[in-house]
Amino acid sequence: MSDALAARWSSHWTPREVADRLTGTTTPWCVAAGWALDLFRGRQTRPHGDIEIAIPADGAARPHLSPDQRAALAGMLSHAHPGHRWLAHL
C-alpha cells in the first residue's frame, strides 16, 4: 500500500461519520461488512481499519450526492459490475 493511501485510511470513518457525511442524500445506502455486523450486534467487537458502504449499482447514487459529498468520496467508491475482480472470489 502506498504511503498516500495508508494516510487516507489512517483516519477512517465510523458509521456515525458516514451517516453525517451522507446527510441529505436521497439514494438508499447502508453500512456493509465488518461494521455492519457490529451494528447488528449492537456493539463494536473489534477495531476496524476501514468502512464499507453499499449503494445501488449503475451509478444511481451520483445524481443524489451533493458536490461536497462527491468531492469527499472521490476515489473511494467502487462499482462491483459483472466481471469485477471481487466477484471472482464469491
N, C-alpha and C. Protein backbone atom coordinates (compact mmCIF):
# COMPACT_ATOMS: atom_id res chain seq x y z
N MET A 1 0.85 -1.17 0.00
CA MET A 1 0.00 0.00 0.00
C MET A 1 0.90 1.23 0.00
N SER A 2 0.53 2.19 -0.83
CA SER A 2 1.33 3.41 -0.90
C SER A 2 1.18 4.22 0.38
N ASP A 3 2.15 5.09 0.65
CA ASP A 3 2.07 5.94 1.83
C ASP A 3 0.85 6.86 1.78
N ALA A 4 0.54 7.35 0.58
CA ALA A 4 -0.62 8.26 0.45
C ALA A 4 -1.92 7.52 0.76
N LEU A 5 -2.03 6.29 0.26
CA LEU A 5 -3.23 5.51 0.52
C LEU A 5 -3.31 5.14 2.00
N ALA A 6 -2.20 4.74 2.58
CA ALA A 6 -2.18 4.41 4.01
C ALA A 6 -2.59 5.62 4.85
N ALA A 7 -2.15 6.80 4.46
CA ALA A 7 -2.52 8.01 5.21
C ALA A 7 -4.01 8.28 5.11
N ARG A 8 -4.59 8.04 3.93
CA ARG A 8 -6.05 8.24 3.77
C ARG A 8 -6.82 7.29 4.67
N TRP A 9 -6.37 6.05 4.77
CA TRP A 9 -7.11 5.07 5.58
C TRP A 9 -6.81 5.19 7.06
N SER A 10 -5.76 5.91 7.42
CA SER A 10 -5.42 6.02 8.84
C SER A 10 -6.46 6.83 9.61
N SER A 11 -7.24 7.60 8.90
CA SER A 11 -8.29 8.38 9.55
C SER A 11 -9.66 7.90 9.06
N HIS A 12 -9.87 6.59 9.11
CA HIS A 12 -11.11 6.00 8.63
C HIS A 12 -12.32 6.54 9.40
N TRP A 13 -13.45 6.48 8.73
CA TRP A 13 -14.68 6.99 9.31
C TRP A 13 -15.39 5.90 10.11
N THR A 14 -16.18 6.33 11.05
CA THR A 14 -17.08 5.41 11.77
C THR A 14 -18.43 5.44 11.05
N PRO A 15 -19.31 4.49 11.36
CA PRO A 15 -20.65 4.55 10.76
C PRO A 15 -21.35 5.89 11.03
N ARG A 16 -21.17 6.47 12.19
CA ARG A 16 -21.80 7.76 12.51
C ARG A 16 -21.27 8.85 11.57
N GLU A 17 -19.94 8.84 11.32
CA GLU A 17 -19.34 9.85 10.43
C GLU A 17 -19.84 9.68 8.99
N VAL A 18 -20.00 8.43 8.55
CA VAL A 18 -20.54 8.21 7.21
C VAL A 18 -21.96 8.75 7.15
N ALA A 19 -22.77 8.43 8.16
CA ALA A 19 -24.15 8.93 8.19
C ALA A 19 -24.19 10.45 8.18
N ASP A 20 -23.30 11.07 8.94
CA ASP A 20 -23.25 12.54 8.95
C ASP A 20 -22.88 13.09 7.58
N ARG A 21 -21.90 12.48 6.92
CA ARG A 21 -21.45 12.97 5.62
C ARG A 21 -22.48 12.73 4.52
N LEU A 22 -23.31 11.71 4.69
CA LEU A 22 -24.32 11.41 3.68
C LEU A 22 -25.69 12.00 4.02
N THR A 23 -25.75 12.82 5.05
CA THR A 23 -27.00 13.51 5.38
C THR A 23 -27.49 14.29 4.17
N GLY A 24 -28.74 14.14 3.86
CA GLY A 24 -29.31 14.83 2.72
C GLY A 24 -29.27 14.03 1.43
N THR A 25 -28.57 12.92 1.42
CA THR A 25 -28.53 12.07 0.23
C THR A 25 -29.86 11.35 0.12
N THR A 26 -30.44 11.36 -1.04
CA THR A 26 -31.76 10.73 -1.20
C THR A 26 -31.70 9.29 -1.68
N THR A 27 -30.54 8.82 -2.09
CA THR A 27 -30.44 7.44 -2.54
C THR A 27 -30.22 6.51 -1.35
N PRO A 28 -30.74 5.28 -1.41
CA PRO A 28 -30.53 4.34 -0.31
C PRO A 28 -29.04 3.98 -0.19
N TRP A 29 -28.59 3.76 1.01
CA TRP A 29 -27.23 3.31 1.25
C TRP A 29 -27.23 2.56 2.58
N CYS A 30 -26.21 1.77 2.81
CA CYS A 30 -26.09 1.08 4.10
C CYS A 30 -24.63 0.78 4.39
N VAL A 31 -24.34 0.60 5.65
CA VAL A 31 -23.02 0.16 6.08
C VAL A 31 -22.94 -1.33 5.77
N ALA A 32 -21.80 -1.79 5.28
CA ALA A 32 -21.62 -3.19 4.90
C ALA A 32 -20.43 -3.79 5.64
N ALA A 33 -20.29 -5.09 5.54
CA ALA A 33 -19.15 -5.86 6.03
C ALA A 33 -18.99 -5.80 7.56
N GLY A 34 -17.76 -5.64 8.03
CA GLY A 34 -17.47 -5.76 9.46
C GLY A 34 -18.24 -4.81 10.35
N TRP A 35 -18.30 -3.54 9.95
CA TRP A 35 -19.06 -2.58 10.76
C TRP A 35 -20.54 -2.95 10.78
N ALA A 36 -21.08 -3.46 9.66
CA ALA A 36 -22.49 -3.84 9.61
C ALA A 36 -22.77 -4.95 10.62
N LEU A 37 -21.86 -5.89 10.73
CA LEU A 37 -22.04 -6.97 11.72
C LEU A 37 -22.04 -6.41 13.13
N ASP A 38 -21.14 -5.48 13.40
CA ASP A 38 -21.10 -4.87 14.74
C ASP A 38 -22.36 -4.06 15.02
N LEU A 39 -22.85 -3.34 14.02
CA LEU A 39 -24.10 -2.59 14.21
C LEU A 39 -25.25 -3.54 14.50
N PHE A 40 -25.28 -4.68 13.82
CA PHE A 40 -26.31 -5.68 14.07
C PHE A 40 -26.21 -6.22 15.50
N ARG A 41 -24.99 -6.44 15.95
CA ARG A 41 -24.77 -6.94 17.32
C ARG A 41 -25.04 -5.87 18.38
N GLY A 42 -25.00 -4.61 17.98
CA GLY A 42 -25.24 -3.53 18.93
C GLY A 42 -24.01 -3.09 19.70
N ARG A 43 -22.84 -3.56 19.26
CA ARG A 43 -21.60 -3.16 19.92
C ARG A 43 -20.43 -3.41 18.98
N GLN A 44 -19.36 -2.65 19.19
CA GLN A 44 -18.15 -2.85 18.41
C GLN A 44 -17.39 -4.01 19.00
N THR A 45 -17.10 -5.03 18.19
CA THR A 45 -16.44 -6.24 18.67
C THR A 45 -14.94 -6.28 18.42
N ARG A 46 -14.47 -5.37 17.55
CA ARG A 46 -13.04 -5.34 17.22
C ARG A 46 -12.70 -4.00 16.61
N PRO A 47 -11.43 -3.65 16.55
CA PRO A 47 -11.03 -2.42 15.87
C PRO A 47 -11.26 -2.58 14.36
N HIS A 48 -11.66 -1.53 13.71
CA HIS A 48 -11.88 -1.56 12.26
C HIS A 48 -10.91 -0.59 11.61
N GLY A 49 -10.26 -1.05 10.54
CA GLY A 49 -9.30 -0.22 9.82
C GLY A 49 -9.91 0.48 8.62
N ASP A 50 -11.19 0.19 8.35
CA ASP A 50 -11.86 0.82 7.22
C ASP A 50 -13.36 0.68 7.42
N ILE A 51 -14.12 1.17 6.47
CA ILE A 51 -15.56 1.01 6.48
C ILE A 51 -16.04 0.85 5.05
N GLU A 52 -17.00 -0.03 4.85
CA GLU A 52 -17.59 -0.22 3.54
C GLU A 52 -19.04 0.24 3.60
N ILE A 53 -19.46 0.91 2.54
CA ILE A 53 -20.88 1.24 2.42
C ILE A 53 -21.36 0.70 1.08
N ALA A 54 -22.62 0.33 1.03
CA ALA A 54 -23.22 -0.19 -0.20
C ALA A 54 -24.27 0.80 -0.70
N ILE A 55 -24.27 1.00 -2.00
CA ILE A 55 -25.26 1.85 -2.66
C ILE A 55 -25.73 1.12 -3.91
N PRO A 56 -26.89 1.50 -4.46
CA PRO A 56 -27.36 0.82 -5.68
C PRO A 56 -26.34 0.89 -6.81
N ALA A 57 -26.38 -0.11 -7.67
CA ALA A 57 -25.45 -0.21 -8.79
C ALA A 57 -25.76 0.81 -9.88
N ASP A 58 -24.93 0.80 -10.88
CA ASP A 58 -25.09 1.61 -12.09
C ASP A 58 -25.00 3.12 -11.84
N GLY A 59 -24.26 3.51 -10.81
CA GLY A 59 -24.07 4.93 -10.57
C GLY A 59 -25.33 5.65 -10.15
N ALA A 60 -26.32 4.91 -9.65
CA ALA A 60 -27.60 5.52 -9.30
C ALA A 60 -27.45 6.58 -8.22
N ALA A 61 -26.42 6.49 -7.39
CA ALA A 61 -26.26 7.44 -6.29
C ALA A 61 -25.71 8.78 -6.76
N ARG A 62 -24.91 8.79 -7.80
CA ARG A 62 -24.19 10.01 -8.21
C ARG A 62 -25.12 11.23 -8.33
N PRO A 63 -26.27 11.12 -8.98
CA PRO A 63 -27.10 12.33 -9.09
C PRO A 63 -27.66 12.80 -7.75
N HIS A 64 -27.67 11.94 -6.76
CA HIS A 64 -28.25 12.28 -5.46
C HIS A 64 -27.22 12.85 -4.49
N LEU A 65 -25.95 12.76 -4.83
CA LEU A 65 -24.90 13.28 -3.96
C LEU A 65 -24.63 14.75 -4.28
N SER A 66 -24.43 15.52 -3.24
CA SER A 66 -24.10 16.93 -3.45
C SER A 66 -22.66 17.02 -3.97
N PRO A 67 -22.28 18.15 -4.54
CA PRO A 67 -20.89 18.31 -4.99
C PRO A 67 -19.89 18.09 -3.84
N ASP A 68 -20.22 18.54 -2.64
CA ASP A 68 -19.33 18.32 -1.48
C ASP A 68 -19.21 16.84 -1.16
N GLN A 69 -20.33 16.12 -1.22
CA GLN A 69 -20.29 14.68 -0.95
C GLN A 69 -19.49 13.96 -2.02
N ARG A 70 -19.68 14.33 -3.29
CA ARG A 70 -18.89 13.70 -4.36
C ARG A 70 -17.41 13.97 -4.16
N ALA A 71 -17.06 15.18 -3.77
CA ALA A 71 -15.64 15.52 -3.54
C ALA A 71 -15.09 14.72 -2.37
N ALA A 72 -15.86 14.59 -1.28
CA ALA A 72 -15.39 13.86 -0.11
C ALA A 72 -15.19 12.38 -0.41
N LEU A 73 -15.99 11.83 -1.32
CA LEU A 73 -15.92 10.40 -1.63
C LEU A 73 -15.12 10.10 -2.89
N ALA A 74 -14.56 11.10 -3.51
CA ALA A 74 -13.81 10.91 -4.77
C ALA A 74 -12.72 9.87 -4.60
N GLY A 75 -12.71 8.91 -5.50
CA GLY A 75 -11.69 7.86 -5.48
C GLY A 75 -11.92 6.80 -4.43
N MET A 76 -12.99 6.90 -3.66
CA MET A 76 -13.24 5.94 -2.60
C MET A 76 -14.39 5.00 -2.92
N LEU A 77 -15.14 5.31 -3.96
CA LEU A 77 -16.27 4.47 -4.33
C LEU A 77 -15.83 3.52 -5.43
N SER A 78 -16.28 2.29 -5.37
CA SER A 78 -16.01 1.35 -6.45
C SER A 78 -17.30 0.63 -6.80
N HIS A 79 -17.34 0.11 -7.98
CA HIS A 79 -18.54 -0.49 -8.52
C HIS A 79 -18.26 -1.96 -8.82
N ALA A 80 -19.03 -2.86 -8.21
CA ALA A 80 -18.86 -4.30 -8.45
C ALA A 80 -19.78 -4.70 -9.61
N HIS A 81 -19.28 -4.59 -10.82
CA HIS A 81 -20.05 -4.92 -12.02
C HIS A 81 -19.75 -6.36 -12.42
N PRO A 82 -20.55 -6.93 -13.29
CA PRO A 82 -20.24 -8.29 -13.76
C PRO A 82 -18.80 -8.34 -14.29
N GLY A 83 -18.06 -9.32 -13.86
CA GLY A 83 -16.67 -9.46 -14.26
C GLY A 83 -15.70 -8.75 -13.33
N HIS A 84 -16.20 -8.04 -12.33
CA HIS A 84 -15.32 -7.34 -11.38
C HIS A 84 -14.46 -8.37 -10.65
N ARG A 85 -13.22 -8.03 -10.38
CA ARG A 85 -12.28 -8.98 -9.76
C ARG A 85 -12.78 -9.50 -8.41
N TRP A 86 -13.53 -8.70 -7.65
CA TRP A 86 -14.01 -9.17 -6.35
C TRP A 86 -15.01 -10.31 -6.51
N LEU A 87 -15.80 -10.26 -7.57
CA LEU A 87 -16.83 -11.27 -7.76
C LEU A 87 -16.24 -12.64 -8.03
N ALA A 88 -15.01 -12.70 -8.51
CA ALA A 88 -14.37 -13.98 -8.76
C ALA A 88 -14.14 -14.76 -7.48
N HIS A 89 -14.14 -14.09 -6.33
CA HIS A 89 -13.88 -14.75 -5.05
C HIS A 89 -15.14 -15.23 -4.37
N LEU A 90 -16.30 -14.95 -4.95
CA LEU A 90 -17.57 -15.35 -4.33
C LEU A 90 -17.92 -16.78 -4.69
